[in-house]
C-alpha atoms as a PDB file:
ATOM      1  CA  MET A   1      40.699   6.773 -48.835  1.00  0.00           C
ATOM      2  CA  PRO A   2      37.905   8.184 -46.732  1.00  0.00           C
ATOM      3  CA  ASP A   3      38.193  11.769 -45.927  1.00  0.00           C
ATOM      4  CA  GLU A   4      39.855  12.199 -42.518  1.00  0.00           C
ATOM      5  CA  THR A   5      37.502  14.864 -41.441  1.00  0.00           C
ATOM      6  CA  ASN A   6      34.509  12.760 -42.314  1.00  0.00           C
ATOM      7  CA  VAL A   7      35.978   9.826 -40.328  1.00  0.00           C
ATOM      8  CA  MET A   8      36.494  12.058 -37.288  1.00  0.00           C
ATOM      9  CA  HIS A   9      32.988  13.394 -37.569  1.00  0.00           C
ATOM     10  CA  VAL A  10      31.538   9.860 -37.757  1.00  0.00           C
ATOM     11  CA  ARG A  11      33.559   8.778 -34.805  1.00  0.00           C
ATOM     12  CA  HIS A  12      32.459  11.769 -32.865  1.00  0.00           C
ATOM     13  CA  ALA A  13      28.829  11.117 -33.825  1.00  0.00           C
ATOM     14  CA  GLN A  14      29.130   7.519 -32.622  1.00  0.00           C
ATOM     15  CA  SER A  15      30.768   8.529 -29.364  1.00  0.00           C
ATOM     16  CA  SER A  16      28.062  11.102 -28.744  1.00  0.00           C
ATOM     17  CA  SER A  17      25.445   8.545 -29.435  1.00  0.00           C
ATOM     18  CA  ARG A  18      26.943   6.004 -27.020  1.00  0.00           C
ATOM     19  CA  LEU A  19      27.252   8.713 -24.313  1.00  0.00           C
ATOM     20  CA  LEU A  20      23.584   9.632 -24.874  1.00  0.00           C
ATOM     21  CA  ASP A  21      22.525   5.866 -24.651  1.00  0.00           C
ATOM     22  CA  ARG A  22      24.489   5.602 -21.413  1.00  0.00           C
ATOM     23  CA  ARG A  23      22.618   8.653 -19.948  1.00  0.00           C
ATOM     24  CA  VAL A  24      19.209   7.231 -21.138  1.00  0.00           C
ATOM     25  CA  GLY A  25      20.223   3.787 -19.536  1.00  0.00           C
ATOM     26  CA  ASP A  26      21.161   5.488 -16.211  1.00  0.00           C
ATOM     27  CA  LEU A  27      17.856   7.296 -16.183  1.00  0.00           C
ATOM     28  CA  ALA A  28      15.802   4.120 -17.019  1.00  0.00           C
ATOM     29  CA  GLU A  29      17.824   2.285 -14.271  1.00  0.00           C
ATOM     30  CA  SER A  30      16.490   4.930 -11.764  1.00  0.00           C
ATOM     31  CA  GLN A  31      12.991   4.571 -13.026  1.00  0.00           C
ATOM     32  CA  HIS A  32      12.416   0.763 -13.030  1.00  0.00           C
ATOM     33  CA  GLY A  33      13.368   0.452 -16.689  1.00  0.00           C
ATOM     34  CA  VAL A  34      11.220   3.087 -18.336  1.00  0.00           C
ATOM     35  CA  VAL A  35      11.588   6.607 -19.594  1.00  0.00           C
ATOM     36  CA  SER A  36       9.253   9.180 -21.188  1.00  0.00           C
ATOM     37  CA  ARG A  37       9.505  10.750 -24.586  1.00  0.00           C
ATOM     38  CA  MET A  38       9.780  14.102 -23.019  1.00  0.00           C
ATOM     39  CA  GLN A  39      12.708  12.958 -20.904  1.00  0.00           C
ATOM     40  CA  LEU A  40      14.413  11.670 -23.988  1.00  0.00           C
ATOM     41  CA  LEU A  41      14.020  14.993 -25.753  1.00  0.00           C
ATOM     42  CA  ASP A  42      15.298  16.802 -22.614  1.00  0.00           C
ATOM     43  CA  LEU A  43      18.446  14.567 -22.693  1.00  0.00           C
ATOM     44  CA  GLY A  44      19.076  15.784 -26.273  1.00  0.00           C
ATOM     45  CA  MET A  45      17.794  12.695 -28.215  1.00  0.00           C
ATOM     46  CA  GLY A  46      15.987  14.012 -31.336  1.00  0.00           C
ATOM     47  CA  ARG A  47      12.824  12.704 -32.763  1.00  0.00           C
ATOM     48  CA  GLY A  48      14.698  10.891 -35.607  1.00  0.00           C
ATOM     49  CA  ALA A  49      17.039   9.202 -33.060  1.00  0.00           C
ATOM     50  CA  ILE A  50      14.102   8.036 -30.992  1.00  0.00           C
ATOM     51  CA  GLY A  51      12.458   6.617 -34.069  1.00  0.00           C
ATOM     52  CA  ASP A  52      15.649   4.869 -35.003  1.00  0.00           C
ATOM     53  CA  ARG A  53      16.045   3.230 -31.564  1.00  0.00           C
ATOM     54  CA  ILE A  54      12.392   2.209 -31.682  1.00  0.00           C
ATOM     55  CA  ALA A  55      12.946   0.514 -35.054  1.00  0.00           C
ATOM     56  CA  ARG A  56      16.126  -1.237 -33.709  1.00  0.00           C
ATOM     57  CA  GLY A  57      14.264  -2.495 -30.673  1.00  0.00           C
ATOM     58  CA  LEU A  58      16.350  -0.468 -28.192  1.00  0.00           C
ATOM     59  CA  LEU A  59      13.171   1.441 -27.069  1.00  0.00           C
ATOM     60  CA  ARG A  60       9.844  -0.463 -26.621  1.00  0.00           C
ATOM     61  CA  ARG A  61       6.627   1.502 -26.167  1.00  0.00           C
ATOM     62  CA  VAL A  62       4.926   0.479 -22.899  1.00  0.00           C
ATOM     63  CA  GLY A  63       2.513   3.431 -22.632  1.00  0.00           C
ATOM     64  CA  ARG A  64       1.499   6.690 -24.115  1.00  0.00           C
ATOM     65  CA  GLY A  65       4.857   8.523 -24.668  1.00  0.00           C
ATOM     66  CA  VAL A  66       6.718   6.074 -22.348  1.00  0.00           C
ATOM     67  CA  TYR A  67       9.327   3.455 -23.408  1.00  0.00           C
ATOM     68  CA  ALA A  68      11.111   0.553 -21.894  1.00  0.00           C
ATOM     69  CA  VAL A  69      14.879   0.701 -22.483  1.00  0.00           C
ATOM     70  CA  GLY A  70      16.821  -2.406 -23.563  1.00  0.00           C
ATOM     71  CA  HIS A  71      16.034  -5.810 -22.318  1.00  0.00           C
ATOM     72  CA  PHE A  72      13.075  -5.341 -19.960  1.00  0.00           C
ATOM     73  CA  ARG A  73      10.867  -7.453 -17.674  1.00  0.00           C
ATOM     74  CA  GLN A  74       7.810  -5.666 -16.424  1.00  0.00           C
ATOM     75  CA  SER A  75       7.167  -5.478 -12.779  1.00  0.00           C
ATOM     76  CA  HIS A  76       4.463  -3.722 -10.673  1.00  0.00           C
ATOM     77  CA  ARG A  77       6.866  -0.859 -10.102  1.00  0.00           C
ATOM     78  CA  SER A  78       7.762  -0.416 -13.735  1.00  0.00           C
ATOM     79  CA  ARG A  79       4.091  -0.405 -14.583  1.00  0.00           C
ATOM     80  CA  TRP A  80       3.307   2.134 -11.854  1.00  0.00           C
ATOM     81  CA  MET A  81       6.232   4.361 -12.975  1.00  0.00           C
ATOM     82  CA  ALA A  82       5.000   4.169 -16.587  1.00  0.00           C
ATOM     83  CA  ALA A  83       1.635   5.189 -15.793  1.00  0.00           C
ATOM     84  CA  VAL A  84       2.849   8.198 -13.743  1.00  0.00           C
ATOM     85  CA  LEU A  85       5.268   9.223 -16.507  1.00  0.00           C
ATOM     86  CA  SER A  86       2.534   8.825 -19.089  1.00  0.00           C
ATOM     87  CA  ALA A  87       0.258  11.163 -17.159  1.00  0.00           C
ATOM     88  CA  GLY A  88       2.777  14.027 -17.038  1.00  0.00           C
ATOM     89  CA  PRO A  89       5.261  15.748 -14.664  1.00  0.00           C
ATOM     90  CA  ASP A  90       2.592  16.841 -12.160  1.00  0.00           C
ATOM     91  CA  ALA A  91       1.160  13.384 -11.712  1.00  0.00           C
ATOM     92  CA  ALA A  92       1.414  11.002  -8.821  1.00  0.00           C
ATOM     93  CA  LEU A  93       0.416   7.395  -8.229  1.00  0.00           C
ATOM     94  CA  SER A  94      -2.665   7.500  -6.056  1.00  0.00           C
ATOM     95  CA  HIS A  95      -5.537   5.574  -4.402  1.00  0.00           C
ATOM     96  CA  ARG A  96      -5.328   1.723  -4.355  1.00  0.00           C
ATOM     97  CA  SER A  97      -2.223   1.813  -6.454  1.00  0.00           C
ATOM     98  CA  ALA A  98      -0.563   4.099  -4.000  1.00  0.00           C
ATOM     99  CA  ALA A  99      -1.634   1.996  -1.116  1.00  0.00           C
ATOM    100  CA  SER A 100       0.039  -0.996  -2.756  1.00  0.00           C
ATOM    101  CA  LEU A 101       3.223   0.913  -3.298  1.00  0.00           C
ATOM    102  CA  TRP A 102       3.236   2.010   0.322  1.00  0.00           C
ATOM    103  CA  GLY A 103       2.718  -1.722   1.378  1.00  0.00           C
ATOM    104  CA  LEU A 104      -0.841  -1.059   2.868  1.00  0.00           C
ATOM    105  CA  GLN A 105      -2.387  -3.631   0.619  1.00  0.00           C
ATOM    106  CA  PRO A 106      -1.288  -6.223  -1.969  1.00  0.00           C
ATOM    107  CA  PRO A 107      -0.921  -5.190  -5.559  1.00  0.00           C
ATOM    108  CA  SER A 108      -3.998  -5.949  -7.593  1.00  0.00           C
ATOM    109  CA  SER A 109      -4.929  -6.324 -11.237  1.00  0.00           C
ATOM    110  CA  ILE A 110      -7.191  -3.362 -11.317  1.00  0.00           C
ATOM    111  CA  ALA A 111      -6.316  -0.310 -13.448  1.00  0.00           C
ATOM    112  CA  ILE A 112      -3.474   1.703 -12.181  1.00  0.00           C
ATOM    113  CA  GLU A 113      -4.693   4.866 -10.508  1.00  0.00           C
ATOM    114  CA  VAL A 114      -2.994   8.290 -11.030  1.00  0.00           C
ATOM    115  CA  THR A 115      -3.897  11.728  -9.841  1.00  0.00           C
ATOM    116  CA  ARG A 116      -2.944  15.147 -11.252  1.00  0.00           C
ATOM    117  CA  PRO A 117      -4.397  18.603 -10.933  1.00  0.00           C
ATOM    118  CA  ARG A 118      -5.220  19.074 -14.586  1.00  0.00           C
ATOM    119  CA  LYS A 119      -8.012  17.035 -16.120  1.00  0.00           C
ATOM    120  CA  PHE A 120      -7.090  14.046 -18.308  1.00  0.00           C
ATOM    121  CA  ARG A 121      -8.665  10.865 -19.590  1.00  0.00           C
ATOM    122  CA  SER A 122      -8.604   7.339 -18.250  1.00  0.00           C
ATOM    123  CA  ARG A 123      -7.156   4.867 -20.821  1.00  0.00           C
ATOM    124  CA  SER A 124      -6.569   1.159 -21.002  1.00  0.00           C
ATOM    125  CA  GLY A 125      -4.919   0.022 -17.773  1.00  0.00           C
ATOM    126  CA  MET A 126      -4.875   3.469 -16.146  1.00  0.00           C
ATOM    127  CA  ARG A 127      -7.631   5.204 -14.220  1.00  0.00           C
ATOM    128  CA  ALA A 128      -7.410   8.896 -14.069  1.00  0.00           C
ATOM    129  CA  HIS A 129      -8.254  11.101 -11.098  1.00  0.00           C
ATOM    130  CA  CYS A 130      -8.332  14.934 -11.386  1.00  0.00           C
ATOM    131  CA  SER A 131      -7.802  16.637  -7.989  1.00  0.00           C
ATOM    132  CA  ASP A 132      -5.786  19.297  -6.281  1.00  0.00           C
ATOM    133  CA  ILE A 133      -2.537  17.872  -4.952  1.00  0.00           C
ATOM    134  CA  ARG A 134      -0.075  19.953  -3.116  1.00  0.00           C
ATOM    135  CA  SER A 135       3.681  19.454  -2.880  1.00  0.00           C
ATOM    136  CA  ASP A 136       3.466  18.239   0.744  1.00  0.00           C
ATOM    137  CA  GLU A 137       1.014  15.583  -0.343  1.00  0.00           C
ATOM    138  CA  VAL A 138       3.406  13.864  -2.716  1.00  0.00           C
ATOM    139  CA  ALA A 139       6.402  11.704  -1.827  1.00  0.00           C
ATOM    140  CA  LEU A 140       8.939   9.523  -3.701  1.00  0.00           C
ATOM    141  CA  VAL A 141       8.764   5.855  -2.906  1.00  0.00           C
ATOM    142  CA  ASP A 142      11.486   3.811  -4.561  1.00  0.00           C
ATOM    143  CA  GLY A 143      11.833   6.624  -7.078  1.00  0.00           C
ATOM    144  CA  ILE A 144       8.028   6.665  -7.957  1.00  0.00           C
ATOM    145  CA  PRO A 145       6.042   9.978  -7.338  1.00  0.00           C
ATOM    146  CA  VAL A 146       3.169   8.794  -5.136  1.00  0.00           C
ATOM    147  CA  THR A 147       0.589  10.538  -2.887  1.00  0.00           C
ATOM    148  CA  SER A 148       1.815  10.704   0.642  1.00  0.00           C
ATOM    149  CA  MET A 149       0.665   8.118   3.192  1.00  0.00           C
ATOM    150  CA  PRO A 150      -1.959  10.461   4.781  1.00  0.00           C
ATOM    151  CA  ARG A 151      -3.231  11.620   1.381  1.00  0.00           C
ATOM    152  CA  THR A 152      -3.389   7.979   0.202  1.00  0.00           C
ATOM    153  CA  LEU A 153      -5.605   7.113   3.197  1.00  0.00           C
ATOM    154  CA  LEU A 154      -7.734  10.087   2.612  1.00  0.00           C
ATOM    155  CA  ASP A 155      -8.251   8.985  -1.107  1.00  0.00           C
ATOM    156  CA  LEU A 156      -8.917   5.521  -0.082  1.00  0.00           C
ATOM    157  CA  ALA A 157     -11.706   6.505   2.355  1.00  0.00           C
ATOM    158  CA  ALA A 158     -13.847   7.566  -0.566  1.00  0.00           C
ATOM    159  CA  ILE A 159     -13.589   4.398  -2.513  1.00  0.00           C
ATOM    160  CA  VAL A 160     -13.064   1.378  -0.149  1.00  0.00           C
ATOM    161  CA  SER A 161     -15.049  -0.285   2.617  1.00  0.00           C
ATOM    162  CA  ARG A 162     -14.342   0.602   6.237  1.00  0.00           C
ATOM    163  CA  HIS A 163     -12.938  -2.746   6.865  1.00  0.00           C
ATOM    164  CA  GLN A 164     -10.440  -2.248   4.038  1.00  0.00           C
ATOM    165  CA  LEU A 165      -9.657   1.221   5.393  1.00  0.00           C
ATOM    166  CA  GLU A 166      -9.084  -0.010   8.857  1.00  0.00           C
ATOM    167  CA  SER A 167      -6.656  -2.686   7.482  1.00  0.00           C
ATOM    168  CA  ALA A 168      -4.701   0.026   5.672  1.00  0.00           C
ATOM    169  CA  PHE A 169      -4.557   2.147   8.888  1.00  0.00           C
ATOM    170  CA  ASN A 170      -3.285  -0.913  10.780  1.00  0.00           C
ATOM    171  CA  GLU A 171      -0.525  -1.500   8.193  1.00  0.00           C
ATOM    172  CA  VAL A 172       0.564   2.175   8.558  1.00  0.00           C
ATOM    173  CA  GLU A 173       1.042   1.467  12.291  1.00  0.00           C
ATOM    174  CA  VAL A 174       2.782  -1.928  11.689  1.00  0.00           C
ATOM    175  CA  ARG A 175       5.226  -0.356   9.307  1.00  0.00           C
ATOM    176  CA  GLY A 176       5.865   2.647  11.431  1.00  0.00           C
ATOM    177  CA  LEU A 177       5.034   5.073   8.562  1.00  0.00           C
ATOM    178  CA  THR A 178       5.007   8.712   9.432  1.00  0.00           C
ATOM    179  CA  ASP A 179       4.555  12.051   7.645  1.00  0.00           C
ATOM    180  CA  ARG A 180       4.738  15.772   8.753  1.00  0.00           C
ATOM    181  CA  LEU A 181       1.135  15.998   7.719  1.00  0.00           C
ATOM    182  CA  SER A 182      -1.567  13.899   9.534  1.00  0.00           C
ATOM    183  CA  VAL A 183      -4.831  12.614   8.119  1.00  0.00           C
ATOM    184  CA  GLY A 184      -6.415  15.100  10.543  1.00  0.00           C
ATOM    185  CA  ASP A 185      -4.482  17.920   8.905  1.00  0.00           C
ATOM    186  CA  LEU A 186      -5.716  16.906   5.508  1.00  0.00           C
ATOM    187  CA  MET A 187      -9.316  16.650   6.594  1.00  0.00           C
ATOM    188  CA  LYS A 188      -9.100  20.255   7.748  1.00  0.00           C
ATOM    189  CA  ARG A 189      -7.594  21.111   4.385  1.00  0.00           C
ATOM    190  CA  TYR A 190     -10.415  19.338   2.600  1.00  0.00           C
ATOM    191  CA  PRO A 191     -13.408  19.418   4.870  1.00  0.00           C
ATOM    192  CA  GLY A 192     -15.980  18.466   2.335  1.00  0.00           C
ATOM    193  CA  ARG A 193     -14.063  15.675   0.736  1.00  0.00           C
ATOM    194  CA  ARG A 194     -15.875  12.456   0.087  1.00  0.00           C
ATOM    195  CA  GLY A 195     -14.930   9.801   2.641  1.00  0.00           C
ATOM    196  CA  ALA A 196     -14.190  12.391   5.350  1.00  0.00           C
ATOM    197  CA  ALA A 197     -17.319  11.161   7.327  1.00  0.00           C
ATOM    198  CA  VAL A 198     -15.958   7.610   7.388  1.00  0.00           C
ATOM    199  CA  LEU A 199     -12.507   8.788   8.567  1.00  0.00           C
ATOM    200  CA  ARG A 200     -13.963  11.079  11.139  1.00  0.00           C
ATOM    201  CA  ALA A 201     -16.042   8.202  12.623  1.00  0.00           C
ATOM    202  CA  MET A 202     -12.942   5.896  12.608  1.00  0.00           C
ATOM    203  CA  MET A 203     -10.969   8.570  14.533  1.00  0.00           C
ATOM    204  CA  GLU A 204     -13.818   9.027  17.061  1.00  0.00           C
ATOM    205  CA  ASP A 205     -13.928   5.241  17.614  1.00  0.00           C
ATOM    206  CA  GLU A 206     -10.091   5.177  18.115  1.00  0.00           C
ATOM    207  CA  GLU A 207     -10.351   7.951  20.710  1.00  0.00           C
ATOM    208  CA  LYS A 208     -13.088   6.082  22.611  1.00  0.00           C
ATOM    209  CA  ALA A 209     -10.999   2.775  22.386  1.00  0.00           C
ATOM    210  CA  ARG A 210      -7.989   4.458  23.797  1.00  0.00           C
ATOM    211  CA  GLY A 211      -9.571   4.418  27.386  1.00  0.00           C
ATOM    212  CA  VAL A 212     -10.633   0.808  27.121  1.00  0.00           C
ATOM    213  CA  THR A 213      -8.612  -1.366  29.547  1.00  0.00           C
ATOM    214  CA  LYS A 214      -7.786  -5.014  28.918  1.00  0.00           C
ATOM    215  CA  LYS A 215      -9.930  -6.025  31.921  1.00  0.00           C
ATOM    216  CA  GLU A 216     -12.892  -4.090  30.274  1.00  0.00           C
ATOM    217  CA  LEU A 217     -12.334  -5.958  27.024  1.00  0.00           C
ATOM    218  CA  GLU A 218     -12.164  -9.335  28.743  1.00  0.00           C
ATOM    219  CA  ARG A 219     -15.377  -8.504  30.825  1.00  0.00           C
ATOM    220  CA  ARG A 220     -17.299  -7.556  27.735  1.00  0.00           C
ATOM    221  CA  PHE A 221     -16.221 -10.791  25.934  1.00  0.00           C
ATOM    222  CA  ALA A 222     -17.091 -12.947  28.938  1.00  0.00           C
ATOM    223  CA  THR A 223     -20.503 -11.122  29.213  1.00  0.00           C
ATOM    224  CA  MET A 224     -21.147 -11.920  25.525  1.00  0.00           C
ATOM    225  CA  LEU A 225     -20.198 -15.628  26.049  1.00  0.00           C
ATOM    226  CA  ALA A 226     -22.473 -15.839  29.180  1.00  0.00           C
ATOM    227  CA  GLY A 227     -25.533 -15.292  27.096  1.00  0.00           C
ATOM    228  CA  THR A 228     -24.780 -18.271  24.883  1.00  0.00           C
ATOM    229  CA  ASP A 229     -24.493 -22.104  25.237  1.00  0.00           C
ATOM    230  CA  LEU A 230     -20.860 -22.002  23.843  1.00  0.00           C
ATOM    231  CA  PRO A 231     -18.180 -23.799  25.877  1.00  0.00           C
ATOM    232  CA  ARG A 232     -16.141 -21.495  28.094  1.00  0.00           C
ATOM    233  CA  PRO A 233     -12.457 -20.985  27.284  1.00  0.00           C
ATOM    234  CA  ARG A 234      -9.439 -21.074  29.570  1.00  0.00           C
ATOM    235  CA  ARG A 235      -8.612 -17.426  30.073  1.00  0.00           C
ATOM    236  CA  ASN A 236      -5.053 -15.991  30.099  1.00  0.00           C
ATOM    237  CA  ALA A 237      -3.706 -19.462  29.449  1.00  0.00           C
ATOM    238  CA  ASP A 238       0.014 -20.247  29.150  1.00  0.00           C
ATOM    239  CA  LEU A 239       0.865 -22.233  26.008  1.00  0.00           C
ATOM    240  CA  ALA A 240       4.212 -23.856  24.953  1.00  0.00           C
ATOM    241  CA  VAL A 241       5.102 -23.836  21.273  1.00  0.00           C
ATOM    242  CA  GLY A 242       8.442 -25.371  20.542  1.00  0.00           C
ATOM    243  CA  ASN A 243      10.846 -23.670  22.885  1.00  0.00           C
ATOM    244  CA  ARG A 244       8.700 -20.640  23.251  1.00  0.00           C
ATOM    245  CA  PHE A 245       6.032 -19.784  25.880  1.00  0.00           C
ATOM    246  CA  PHE A 246       3.131 -17.518  25.162  1.00  0.00           C
ATOM    247  CA  GLU A 247       0.158 -16.253  27.188  1.00  0.00           C
ATOM    248  CA  VAL A 248      -3.092 -16.227  25.147  1.00  0.00           C
ATOM    249  CA  ASP A 249      -6.355 -14.526  26.077  1.00  0.00           C
ATOM    250  CA  CYS A 250      -8.829 -17.337  25.424  1.00  0.00           C
ATOM    251  CA  LEU A 251      -7.978 -20.978  24.751  1.00  0.00           C
ATOM    252  CA  TRP A 252     -10.162 -23.827  23.671  1.00  0.00           C
ATOM    253  CA  ARG A 253      -7.589 -26.631  23.719  1.00  0.00           C
ATOM    254  CA  ALA A 254      -9.733 -29.442  22.383  1.00  0.00           C
ATOM    255  CA  GLN A 255     -10.705 -27.318  19.302  1.00  0.00           C
ATOM    256  CA  ARG A 256      -7.206 -25.870  18.898  1.00  0.00           C
ATOM    257  CA  LEU A 257      -8.716 -22.389  18.863  1.00  0.00           C
ATOM    258  CA  ILE A 258      -7.229 -19.195  20.375  1.00  0.00           C
ATOM    259  CA  ILE A 259      -8.958 -15.850  20.643  1.00  0.00           C
ATOM    260  CA  GLU A 260      -6.901 -12.726  21.200  1.00  0.00           C
ATOM    261  CA  LEU A 261      -8.588  -9.565  22.295  1.00  0.00           C
ATOM    262  CA  ASP A 262      -7.349  -6.338  20.743  1.00  0.00           C
ATOM    263  CA  GLY A 263      -8.361  -3.116  22.483  1.00  0.00           C
ATOM    264  CA  ARG A 264      -8.265  -1.045  19.182  1.00  0.00           C
ATOM    265  CA  PHE A 265      -8.468  -1.603  15.587  1.00  0.00           C
ATOM    266  CA  VAL A 266      -5.002  -0.317  15.082  1.00  0.00           C
ATOM    267  CA  HIS A 267      -1.791  -0.809  17.221  1.00  0.00           C
ATOM    268  CA  ARG A 268       0.002   2.421  18.465  1.00  0.00           C
ATOM    269  CA  THR A 269       3.519   0.878  18.064  1.00  0.00           C
ATOM    270  CA  TRP A 270       4.995  -1.161  15.208  1.00  0.00           C
ATOM    271  CA  ARG A 271       6.834  -3.251  17.724  1.00  0.00           C
ATOM    272  CA  THR A 272       3.709  -4.451  19.531  1.00  0.00           C
ATOM    273  CA  SER A 273       2.192  -5.451  16.084  1.00  0.00           C
ATOM    274  CA  GLU A 274       5.397  -7.246  15.020  1.00  0.00           C
ATOM    275  CA  ARG A 275       5.290  -9.254  18.305  1.00  0.00           C
ATOM    276  CA  ASP A 276       1.658 -10.065  17.781  1.00  0.00           C
ATOM    277  CA  ARG A 277       2.281 -11.129  14.192  1.00  0.00           C
ATOM    278  CA  GLU A 278       5.239 -13.313  15.065  1.00  0.00           C
ATOM    279  CA  LYS A 279       3.208 -14.957  17.940  1.00  0.00           C
ATOM    280  CA  ASP A 280       0.215 -15.570  15.468  1.00  0.00           C
ATOM    281  CA  ARG A 281       2.637 -17.116  12.925  1.00  0.00           C
ATOM    282  CA  LEU A 282       4.317 -19.425  15.349  1.00  0.00           C
ATOM    283  CA  LEU A 283       0.941 -20.624  16.851  1.00  0.00           C
ATOM    284  CA  GLN A 284      -0.589 -21.108  13.448  1.00  0.00           C
ATOM    285  CA  ALA A 285       2.473 -23.039  12.283  1.00  0.00           C
ATOM    286  CA  ASP A 286       1.972 -25.378  15.326  1.00  0.00           C
ATOM    287  CA  GLY A 287      -1.611 -26.023  14.233  1.00  0.00           C
ATOM    288  CA  TRP A 288      -3.587 -23.476  16.350  1.00  0.00           C
ATOM    289  CA  ARG A 289      -6.344 -21.347  14.770  1.00  0.00           C
ATOM    290  CA  VAL A 290      -5.718 -17.771  16.004  1.00  0.00           C
ATOM    291  CA  VAL A 291      -8.500 -15.103  15.653  1.00  0.00           C
ATOM    292  CA  ARG A 292      -8.247 -11.550  16.802  1.00  0.00           C
ATOM    293  CA  ILE A 293     -11.368  -9.711  17.981  1.00  0.00           C
ATOM    294  CA  THR A 294     -11.483  -5.962  18.610  1.00  0.00           C
ATOM    295  CA  TRP A 295     -13.418  -3.761  21.023  1.00  0.00           C
ATOM    296  CA  ARG A 296     -15.439  -2.273  18.122  1.00  0.00           C
ATOM    297  CA  GLN A 297     -16.433  -5.759  17.004  1.00  0.00           C
ATOM    298  CA  LEU A 298     -17.534  -6.682  20.371  1.00  0.00           C
ATOM    299  CA  ARG A 299     -19.485  -3.481  20.824  1.00  0.00           C
ATOM    300  CA  ASP A 300     -21.097  -3.265  17.373  1.00  0.00           C
ATOM    301  CA  ASP A 301     -21.193  -6.788  15.922  1.00  0.00           C
ATOM    302  CA  ALA A 302     -21.562  -9.099  18.985  1.00  0.00           C
ATOM    303  CA  PRO A 303     -24.138 -11.327  17.108  1.00  0.00           C
ATOM    304  CA  ALA A 304     -21.881 -11.822  14.203  1.00  0.00           C
ATOM    305  CA  VAL A 305     -18.990 -12.639  16.593  1.00  0.00           C
ATOM    306  CA  VAL A 306     -21.000 -15.252  18.380  1.00  0.00           C
ATOM    307  CA  ALA A 307     -22.129 -16.856  15.028  1.00  0.00           C
ATOM    308  CA  ASP A 308     -18.550 -17.033  14.011  1.00  0.00           C
ATOM    309  CA  LEU A 309     -17.332 -18.474  17.173  1.00  0.00           C
ATOM    310  CA  ARG A 310     -19.997 -21.104  16.960  1.00  0.00           C
ATOM    311  CA  ARG A 311     -18.698 -22.224  13.493  1.00  0.00           C
ATOM    312  CA  LEU A 312     -15.099 -22.181  14.731  1.00  0.00           C
ATOM    313  CA  LEU A 313     -15.851 -24.243  17.730  1.00  0.00           C
ATOM    314  CA  ARG A 314     -17.932 -26.691  15.737  1.00  0.00           C
ATOM    315  CA  GLY A 315     -15.132 -27.049  13.017  1.00  0.00           C
END
């Protein structure tokens, strides 16, 4: 008969192993299915036990020093989490990847971007950024360490076009995202940072646009049209869509075209943006083409706006 002491020892070891696996599973569940080797060691799983679980398929390597736990289906969030864990405890998702996590732009297939203070190398599927990043510039979104919304915008300013940056700012307003630090605060903190000039110009534009009234915007649009042979729209027209009634800024009924004039490149309240987007969606579903034109576009890009209008009215 087996020695009773040995049996008890085996049972205790098996019980401890199951308890450890449950703790690993709980951690993985909070991290989109992935854990780092360092975390496994911190939980008390030895190197031999880690190797045994890899051999049995209970752990699957998905990055340098990062493993998927159990049955696992990769997602954007699991890949983002794995990249951050792989870069170390002081790393955060950043730049375009951070913008995607914040919902400021769709996820893309480009390498996942991660920032940490200490220098490290890019590798397959991950782009490394080495930069100072203070504690108040990092947030947790769905459990993933990520640069704060203002820091993400500051980072984006250095690598994307102005149009893409304006779109990201607009999404911040639409989603009602806030932070105790503003982009302006960060620009003071990093005065010589690449992209700061673009941000400064955007903020100056916003300040100027704040004083622009709807009548001034309509007057500038009318003046622009007056210098062309384009057909004149019906202005401030009422339009019925289903059981809803909307007032639209400029209507070309025959061409089923609507132009809405936006005084600024961002909306100050998310409620206004939500209403505008719902209005656009319902109009488009009813077969109308809806185009939004901003004060800055009328001021700086009038010839391009006229050319686009010509194509829209011809189509």
